[in-house]
C-alpha atoms as a PDB file:
ATOM      1  CA  UNK A   1      -4.576 151.766 171.093  1.00  0.00           C
ATOM      2  CA  UNK A   2      -8.096 151.635 169.605  1.00  0.00           C
ATOM      3  CA  UNK A   3      -7.359 154.769 167.604  1.00  0.00           C
ATOM      4  CA  UNK A   4      -4.074 153.223 166.440  1.00  0.00           C
ATOM      5  CA  UNK A   5      -5.839 150.029 165.347  1.00  0.00           C
ATOM      6  CA  UNK A   6      -8.436 152.159 163.539  1.00  0.00           C
ATOM      7  CA  UNK A   7      -5.754 154.059 161.673  1.00  0.00           C
ATOM      8  CA  UNK A   8      -3.953 150.817 160.905  1.00  0.00           C
ATOM      9  CA  UNK A   9      -7.100 149.214 159.528  1.00  0.00           C
ATOM     10  CA  UNK A  10      -7.854 152.351 157.526  1.00  0.00           C
ATOM     11  CA  UNK A  11      -4.353 152.455 156.119  1.00  0.00           C
ATOM     12  CA  UNK A  12      -4.422 148.790 155.192  1.00  0.00           C
ATOM     13  CA  UNK A  13      -7.821 149.259 153.538  1.00  0.00           C
ATOM     14  CA  UNK A  14      -6.615 152.215 151.478  1.00  0.00           C
ATOM     15  CA  UNK A  15      -3.412 150.401 150.541  1.00  0.00           C
ATOM     16  CA  UNK A  16      -5.263 147.204 149.616  1.00  0.00           C
ATOM     17  CA  UNK A  17      -7.890 149.088 147.638  1.00  0.00           C
ATOM     18  CA  UNK A  18      -5.295 151.031 145.728  1.00  0.00           C
ATOM     19  CA  UNK A  19      -3.332 147.871 144.986  1.00  0.00           C
ATOM     20  CA  UNK A  20      -6.459 146.043 143.891  1.00  0.00           C
ATOM     21  CA  UNK A  21      -7.478 148.879 141.624  1.00  0.00           C
ATOM     22  CA  UNK A  22      -4.031 148.768 140.076  1.00  0.00           C
ATOM     23  CA  UNK A  23      -4.268 145.027 139.475  1.00  0.00           C
ATOM     24  CA  UNK A  24      -7.757 145.330 138.051  1.00  0.00           C
ATOM     25  CA  UNK A  25      -6.704 148.217 135.823  1.00  0.00           C
ATOM     26  CA  UNK A  26      -3.728 146.237 134.539  1.00  0.00           C
ATOM     27  CA  UNK A  27      -5.870 143.157 133.986  1.00  0.00           C
ATOM     28  CA  UNK A  28      -8.447 145.166 132.077  1.00  0.00           C
ATOM     29  CA  UNK A  29      -5.707 146.744 129.979  1.00  0.00           C
ATOM     30  CA  UNK A  30      -4.206 143.343 129.153  1.00  0.00           C
ATOM     31  CA  UNK A  31      -7.646 141.951 128.388  1.00  0.00           C
ATOM     32  CA  UNK A  32      -8.358 144.964 126.209  1.00  0.00           C
ATOM     33  CA  UNK A  33      -5.141 144.504 124.279  1.00  0.00           C
ATOM     34  CA  UNK A  34      -5.848 140.807 123.819  1.00  0.00           C
ATOM     35  CA  UNK A  35      -9.371 141.531 122.630  1.00  0.00           C
ATOM     36  CA  UNK A  36      -8.088 144.150 120.211  1.00  0.00           C
ATOM     37  CA  UNK A  37      -5.521 141.693 118.862  1.00  0.00           C
ATOM     38  CA  UNK A  38      -8.214 139.072 118.446  1.00  0.00           C
ATOM     39  CA  UNK A  39     -10.455 141.552 116.665  1.00  0.00           C
ATOM     40  CA  UNK A  40      -7.616 142.517 114.370  1.00  0.00           C
ATOM     41  CA  UNK A  41      -6.809 138.872 113.590  1.00  0.00           C
ATOM     42  CA  UNK A  42     -10.471 138.169 112.893  1.00  0.00           C
ATOM     43  CA  UNK A  43     -10.679 141.135 110.535  1.00  0.00           C
ATOM     44  CA  UNK A  44      -7.563 140.005 108.651  1.00  0.00           C
ATOM     45  CA  UNK A  45      -8.977 136.505 108.329  1.00  0.00           C
ATOM     46  CA  UNK A  46     -12.261 137.849 106.911  1.00  0.00           C
ATOM     47  CA  UNK A  47     -10.373 139.967 104.398  1.00  0.00           C
ATOM     48  CA  UNK A  48      -8.213 137.036 103.305  1.00  0.00           C
ATOM     49  CA  UNK A  49     -11.195 134.699 102.970  1.00  0.00           C
ATOM     50  CA  UNK A  50     -13.150 137.315 101.018  1.00  0.00           C
ATOM     51  CA  UNK A  51     -10.170 137.779  98.700  1.00  0.00           C
ATOM     52  CA  UNK A  52     -10.065 134.081  97.829  1.00  0.00           C
ATOM     53  CA  UNK A  53     -13.817 134.168  97.258  1.00  0.00           C
ATOM     54  CA  UNK A  54     -13.448 137.132  94.887  1.00  0.00           C
ATOM     55  CA  UNK A  55     -10.575 135.562  92.974  1.00  0.00           C
ATOM     56  CA  UNK A  56     -12.588 132.392  92.516  1.00  0.00           C
ATOM     57  CA  UNK A  57     -15.878 134.109  91.637  1.00  0.00           C
ATOM     58  CA  UNK A  58     -14.667 137.141  89.675  1.00  0.00           C
ATOM     59  CA  UNK A  59     -11.119 136.445  88.523  1.00  0.00           C
ATOM     60  CA  UNK A  60      -8.130 138.661  89.251  1.00  0.00           C
ATOM     61  CA  UNK A  61      -8.998 141.460  86.809  1.00  0.00           C
ATOM     62  CA  UNK A  62     -12.488 142.002  88.258  1.00  0.00           C
ATOM     63  CA  UNK A  63     -11.411 141.576  91.865  1.00  0.00           C
ATOM     64  CA  UNK A  64     -11.215 144.986  93.549  1.00  0.00           C
ATOM     65  CA  UNK A  65     -10.279 145.972  97.078  1.00  0.00           C
ATOM     66  CA  UNK A  66     -13.645 147.766  97.628  1.00  0.00           C
ATOM     67  CA  UNK A  67     -15.465 144.548  96.686  1.00  0.00           C
ATOM     68  CA  UNK A  68     -13.233 142.521  99.003  1.00  0.00           C
ATOM     69  CA  UNK A  69     -13.911 144.934 101.866  1.00  0.00           C
ATOM     70  CA  UNK A  70     -17.659 144.747 101.164  1.00  0.00           C
ATOM     71  CA  UNK A  71     -17.685 140.942 101.230  1.00  0.00           C
ATOM     72  CA  UNK A  72     -15.549 140.904 104.363  1.00  0.00           C
ATOM     73  CA  UNK A  73     -17.863 143.369 106.101  1.00  0.00           C
ATOM     74  CA  UNK A  74     -15.090 145.850 106.937  1.00  0.00           C
ATOM     75  CA  UNK A  75     -14.509 149.478 106.053  1.00  0.00           C
ATOM     76  CA  UNK A  76     -12.176 150.533 103.255  1.00  0.00           C
ATOM     77  CA  UNK A  77     -10.024 152.290 105.842  1.00  0.00           C
ATOM     78  CA  UNK A  78      -9.638 149.078 107.836  1.00  0.00           C
ATOM     79  CA  UNK A  79      -8.792 147.138 104.684  1.00  0.00           C
ATOM     80  CA  UNK A  80      -6.138 149.679 103.681  1.00  0.00           C
ATOM     81  CA  UNK A  81      -4.712 149.605 107.200  1.00  0.00           C
ATOM     82  CA  UNK A  82      -4.120 145.851 107.002  1.00  0.00           C
ATOM     83  CA  UNK A  83      -3.298 145.571 103.290  1.00  0.00           C
ATOM     84  CA  UNK A  84      -2.339 148.843 101.548  1.00  0.00           C
ATOM     85  CA  UNK A  85      -2.247 147.346  98.027  1.00  0.00           C
ATOM     86  CA  UNK A  86      -4.231 144.831  96.029  1.00  0.00           C
ATOM     87  CA  UNK A  87      -1.069 142.859  95.228  1.00  0.00           C
ATOM     88  CA  UNK A  88      -0.216 142.484  98.913  1.00  0.00           C
ATOM     89  CA  UNK A  89      -3.774 141.447  99.752  1.00  0.00           C
ATOM     90  CA  UNK A  90      -4.148 138.786  97.075  1.00  0.00           C
ATOM     91  CA  UNK A  91      -0.742 137.190  97.623  1.00  0.00           C
ATOM     92  CA  UNK A  92      -1.277 137.204 101.398  1.00  0.00           C
ATOM     93  CA  UNK A  93      -4.669 135.575 100.885  1.00  0.00           C
ATOM     94  CA  UNK A  94      -3.287 132.737  98.775  1.00  0.00           C
ATOM     95  CA  UNK A  95      -0.438 132.155 101.233  1.00  0.00           C
ATOM     96  CA  UNK A  96      -2.931 132.155 104.126  1.00  0.00           C
ATOM     97  CA  UNK A  97      -5.127 129.634 102.327  1.00  0.00           C
ATOM     98  CA  UNK A  98      -2.173 127.448 101.396  1.00  0.00           C
ATOM     99  CA  UNK A  99      -1.043 127.261 105.036  1.00  0.00           C
ATOM    100  CA  UNK A 100      -4.563 126.291 106.065  1.00  0.00           C
ATOM    101  CA  UNK A 101      -4.795 123.637 103.349  1.00  0.00           C
ATOM    102  CA  UNK A 102      -1.436 122.193 104.380  1.00  0.00           C
ATOM    103  CA  UNK A 103      -2.712 121.662 107.927  1.00  0.00           C
ATOM    104  CA  UNK A 104      -5.925 120.139 106.581  1.00  0.00           C
ATOM    105  CA  UNK A 105      -3.878 117.823 104.359  1.00  0.00           C
ATOM    106  CA  UNK A 106      -1.734 116.649 107.272  1.00  0.00           C
ATOM    107  CA  UNK A 107      -4.790 116.001 109.440  1.00  0.00           C
ATOM    108  CA  UNK A 108      -6.529 114.044 106.681  1.00  0.00           C
ATOM    109  CA  UNK A 109      -3.363 112.075 105.902  1.00  0.00           C
ATOM    110  CA  UNK A 110      -2.893 111.061 109.528  1.00  0.00           C
ATOM    111  CA  UNK A 111      -6.566 110.088 109.773  1.00  0.00           C
ATOM    112  CA  UNK A 112      -6.497 107.882 106.645  1.00  0.00           C
ATOM    113  CA  UNK A 113      -8.027 104.400 107.019  1.00  0.00           C
ATOM    114  CA  UNK A 114      -5.756 101.732 108.445  1.00  0.00           C
ATOM    115  CA  UNK A 115      -4.096  99.736 105.702  1.00  0.00           C
ATOM    116  CA  UNK A 116      -4.557 102.347 102.977  1.00  0.00           C
ATOM    117  CA  UNK A 117      -1.453 102.881 100.887  1.00  0.00           C
ATOM    118  CA  UNK A 118       0.111 106.181 102.072  1.00  0.00           C
ATOM    119  CA  UNK A 119       1.003 107.380  98.573  1.00  0.00           C
ATOM    120  CA  UNK A 120      -2.501 106.661  97.283  1.00  0.00           C
ATOM    121  CA  UNK A 121      -4.026 108.460 100.267  1.00  0.00           C
ATOM    122  CA  UNK A 122      -1.799 111.493  99.656  1.00  0.00           C
ATOM    123  CA  UNK A 123      -2.813 111.631  95.977  1.00  0.00           C
ATOM    124  CA  UNK A 124      -6.539 111.434  96.790  1.00  0.00           C
ATOM    125  CA  UNK A 125      -6.290 114.169  99.428  1.00  0.00           C
ATOM    126  CA  UNK A 126      -4.206 116.425  97.184  1.00  0.00           C
ATOM    127  CA  UNK A 127      -6.625 116.024  94.291  1.00  0.00           C
ATOM    128  CA  UNK A 128      -9.588 116.988  96.485  1.00  0.00           C
ATOM    129  CA  UNK A 129      -7.731 120.202  97.345  1.00  0.00           C
ATOM    130  CA  UNK A 130      -6.155 121.003  93.979  1.00  0.00           C
ATOM    131  CA  UNK A 131      -9.468 120.633  92.166  1.00  0.00           C
ATOM    132  CA  UNK A 132     -11.182 123.261  94.356  1.00  0.00           C
ATOM    133  CA  UNK A 133     -11.162 127.053  94.900  1.00  0.00           C
ATOM    134  CA  UNK A 134      -7.577 127.058  96.208  1.00  0.00           C
ATOM    135  CA  UNK A 135      -6.162 126.089  92.831  1.00  0.00           C
ATOM    136  CA  UNK A 136      -8.297 128.484  90.816  1.00  0.00           C
ATOM    137  CA  UNK A 137      -7.446 131.422  93.060  1.00  0.00           C
ATOM    138  CA  UNK A 138      -3.770 130.545  92.640  1.00  0.00           C
ATOM    139  CA  UNK A 139      -4.221 130.177  88.870  1.00  0.00           C
ATOM    140  CA  UNK A 140      -5.697 133.675  88.652  1.00  0.00           C
ATOM    141  CA  UNK A 141      -2.593 135.107  90.335  1.00  0.00           C
ATOM    142  CA  UNK A 142      -0.117 133.155  88.220  1.00  0.00           C
ATOM    143  CA  UNK A 143      -1.745 134.188  84.948  1.00  0.00           C
ATOM    144  CA  UNK A 144      -2.093 137.831  86.021  1.00  0.00           C
ATOM    145  CA  UNK A 145       1.529 137.969  87.194  1.00  0.00           C
ATOM    146  CA  UNK A 146       2.757 137.247  83.660  1.00  0.00           C
ATOM    147  CA  UNK A 147       1.876 140.784  82.564  1.00  0.00           C
ATOM    148  CA  UNK A 148       1.431 142.650  85.876  1.00  0.00           C
ATOM    149  CA  UNK A 149       4.767 144.078  87.007  1.00  0.00           C
ATOM    150  CA  UNK A 150       3.485 144.865  90.501  1.00  0.00           C
ATOM    151  CA  UNK A 151       2.297 141.297  90.983  1.00  0.00           C
ATOM    152  CA  UNK A 152       5.158 139.435  89.296  1.00  0.00           C
ATOM    153  CA  UNK A 153       7.766 139.606  92.048  1.00  0.00           C
ATOM    154  CA  UNK A 154       5.442 138.827  94.999  1.00  0.00           C
ATOM    155  CA  UNK A 155       3.997 135.848  93.127  1.00  0.00           C
ATOM    156  CA  UNK A 156       7.484 134.608  92.237  1.00  0.00           C
ATOM    157  CA  UNK A 157       8.531 134.811  95.901  1.00  0.00           C
ATOM    158  CA  UNK A 158       5.346 133.074  97.010  1.00  0.00           C
ATOM    159  CA  UNK A 159       5.851 130.326  94.423  1.00  0.00           C
ATOM    160  CA  UNK A 160       9.349 129.681  95.769  1.00  0.00           C
ATOM    161  CA  UNK A 161       8.097 129.523  99.363  1.00  0.00           C
ATOM    162  CA  UNK A 162       5.195 127.224  98.567  1.00  0.00           C
ATOM    163  CA  UNK A 163       7.474 124.929  96.581  1.00  0.00           C
ATOM    164  CA  UNK A 164       9.852 124.674  99.529  1.00  0.00           C
ATOM    165  CA  UNK A 165       6.997 123.881 101.933  1.00  0.00           C
ATOM    166  CA  UNK A 166       5.647 121.183  99.607  1.00  0.00           C
ATOM    167  CA  UNK A 167       9.102 119.644  99.304  1.00  0.00           C
ATOM    168  CA  UNK A 168       9.633 119.693 103.075  1.00  0.00           C
ATOM    169  CA  UNK A 169       6.209 118.179 103.772  1.00  0.00           C
ATOM    170  CA  UNK A 170       6.820 115.414 101.244  1.00  0.00           C
ATOM    171  CA  UNK A 171      10.169 114.490 102.785  1.00  0.00           C
ATOM    172  CA  UNK A 172       8.692 114.497 106.294  1.00  0.00           C
ATOM    173  CA  UNK A 173       5.913 112.105 105.312  1.00  0.00           C
ATOM    174  CA  UNK A 174       7.904 110.005 102.842  1.00  0.00           C
ATOM    175  CA  UNK A 175      11.532 109.613 103.976  1.00  0.00           C
ATOM    176  CA  UNK A 176      14.107 108.942 101.271  1.00  0.00           C
ATOM    177  CA  UNK A 177      14.266 105.251 100.267  1.00  0.00           C
ATOM    178  CA  UNK A 178      17.269 103.179 101.276  1.00  0.00           C
ATOM    179  CA  UNK A 179      17.973 102.398  97.628  1.00  0.00           C
ATOM    180  CA  UNK A 180      18.658 105.294  95.259  1.00  0.00           C
ATOM    181  CA  UNK A 181      15.476 106.261  93.435  1.00  0.00           C
ATOM    182  CA  UNK A 182      15.580 109.042  90.821  1.00  0.00           C
ATOM    183  CA  UNK A 183      11.792 109.449  90.958  1.00  0.00           C
ATOM    184  CA  UNK A 184      11.884 110.349  94.649  1.00  0.00           C
ATOM    185  CA  UNK A 185      13.617 113.693  94.072  1.00  0.00           C
ATOM    186  CA  UNK A 186      11.069 114.857  91.499  1.00  0.00           C
ATOM    187  CA  UNK A 187       7.965 113.169  92.975  1.00  0.00           C
ATOM    188  CA  UNK A 188       6.332 116.291  94.502  1.00  0.00           C
ATOM    189  CA  UNK A 189       6.881 118.416  91.386  1.00  0.00           C
ATOM    190  CA  UNK A 190       5.769 115.578  89.118  1.00  0.00           C
ATOM    191  CA  UNK A 191       2.581 114.949  91.098  1.00  0.00           C
ATOM    192  CA  UNK A 192       1.609 118.629  91.309  1.00  0.00           C
ATOM    193  CA  UNK A 193       2.316 119.207  87.610  1.00  0.00           C
ATOM    194  CA  UNK A 194      -0.023 116.344  86.754  1.00  0.00           C
ATOM    195  CA  UNK A 195      -2.738 117.388  89.217  1.00  0.00           C
ATOM    196  CA  UNK A 196      -2.528 121.022  88.074  1.00  0.00           C
ATOM    197  CA  UNK A 197      -2.985 119.846  84.493  1.00  0.00           C
ATOM    198  CA  UNK A 198      -6.069 117.844  85.426  1.00  0.00           C
ATOM    199  CA  UNK A 199      -7.504 120.830  87.307  1.00  0.00           C
ATOM    200  CA  UNK A 200      -6.952 123.051  84.255  1.00  0.00           C
ATOM    201  CA  UNK A 201      -8.671 120.483  82.075  1.00  0.00           C
ATOM    202  CA  UNK A 202     -11.750 120.618  84.303  1.00  0.00           C
ATOM    203  CA  UNK A 203     -12.333 124.291  83.476  1.00  0.00           C
ATOM    204  CA  UNK A 204     -13.660 123.601  79.963  1.00  0.00           C
ATOM    205  CA  UNK A 205     -14.738 120.010  80.191  1.00  0.00           C
ATOM    206  CA  UNK A 206     -15.940 117.256  82.457  1.00  0.00           C
ATOM    207  CA  UNK A 207     -13.807 114.264  81.518  1.00  0.00           C
ATOM    208  CA  UNK A 208     -14.436 112.623  84.900  1.00  0.00           C
ATOM    209  CA  UNK A 209     -13.641 109.149  83.558  1.00  0.00           C
ATOM    210  CA  UNK A 210     -10.354 110.308  82.055  1.00  0.00           C
ATOM    211  CA  UNK A 211      -9.409 112.123  85.265  1.00  0.00           C
ATOM    212  CA  UNK A 212     -10.039 108.949  87.244  1.00  0.00           C
ATOM    213  CA  UNK A 213      -7.883 106.958  84.822  1.00  0.00           C
ATOM    214  CA  UNK A 214      -5.021 109.464  85.087  1.00  0.00           C
ATOM    215  CA  UNK A 215      -5.203 109.460  88.893  1.00  0.00           C
ATOM    216  CA  UNK A 216      -5.149 105.660  88.920  1.00  0.00           C
ATOM    217  CA  UNK A 217      -2.092 105.715  86.653  1.00  0.00           C
ATOM    218  CA  UNK A 218      -0.358 108.143  89.022  1.00  0.00           C
ATOM    219  CA  UNK A 219      -1.112 105.855  91.973  1.00  0.00           C
ATOM    220  CA  UNK A 220       0.207 102.831  90.053  1.00  0.00           C
ATOM    221  CA  UNK A 221       3.407 104.721  89.279  1.00  0.00           C
ATOM    222  CA  UNK A 222       3.751 105.692  92.944  1.00  0.00           C
ATOM    223  CA  UNK A 223       3.369 102.050  94.006  1.00  0.00           C
ATOM    224  CA  UNK A 224       5.938 100.984  91.428  1.00  0.00           C
ATOM    225  CA  UNK A 225       8.694 103.436  92.317  1.00  0.00           C
ATOM    226  CA  UNK A 226       7.866 104.050  96.011  1.00  0.00           C
ATOM    227  CA  UNK A 227       7.015 100.684  97.596  1.00  0.00           C
ATOM    228  CA  UNK A 228       4.848 100.983 100.695  1.00  0.00           C
ATOM    229  CA  UNK A 229       7.457  99.177 102.758  1.00  0.00           C
ATOM    230  CA  UNK A 230       9.854 102.083 102.272  1.00  0.00           C
ATOM    231  CA  UNK A 231       7.323 104.685 103.398  1.00  0.00           C
ATOM    232  CA  UNK A 232       7.077 105.642 107.028  1.00  0.00           C
ATOM    233  CA  UNK A 233       3.579 104.977 108.346  1.00  0.00           C
ATOM    234  CA  UNK A 234       2.881 108.383 109.948  1.00  0.00           C
END
């Protein structure tokens, strides 16, 4: 009986050890895969951020994939693995940045001071974003796409997607008024066209007072055609 119990304990030990090793091995494998995925995501993020930095600092023509890889701290092989072409890298970078800015906009909009007019808050937040590196990186792509056949189609597709996201975000935050309002349908495009124009104007001149006056006029127009009472307080 003692021998039997000894064999039984030995068998259980071997079985348990083997099972444990299997679980540990599987856990390590899963952890390894997760870590690899995280490393890959981190590398992509560094490449995308470095691309925006290059577009802003150097312009599209002087932006090169070796320079992007250098700034990102990754090898050329790793850069080519994630983004085989310059066109794919730069359009992916702008889309990545736009998605990030959209989330930042929503957070800032929801955290606006109590009692602040929603339309005015949206204009102030948008201007702080449009007048920064995001806009100028986007401008570099748009201008380059006019004569770059490889870039033209990706930029056109990205423009369509970004326009749709802007429209959707606007309608989520500012539901359609109960009374027909022709300005409502063109409000996002109108606001961005004006803000883009102001951002372009900043390239070769200061004009801070004029920019403030134009922004105040836009806010006054928003109050006139989109009364606060018709806007959902989100």
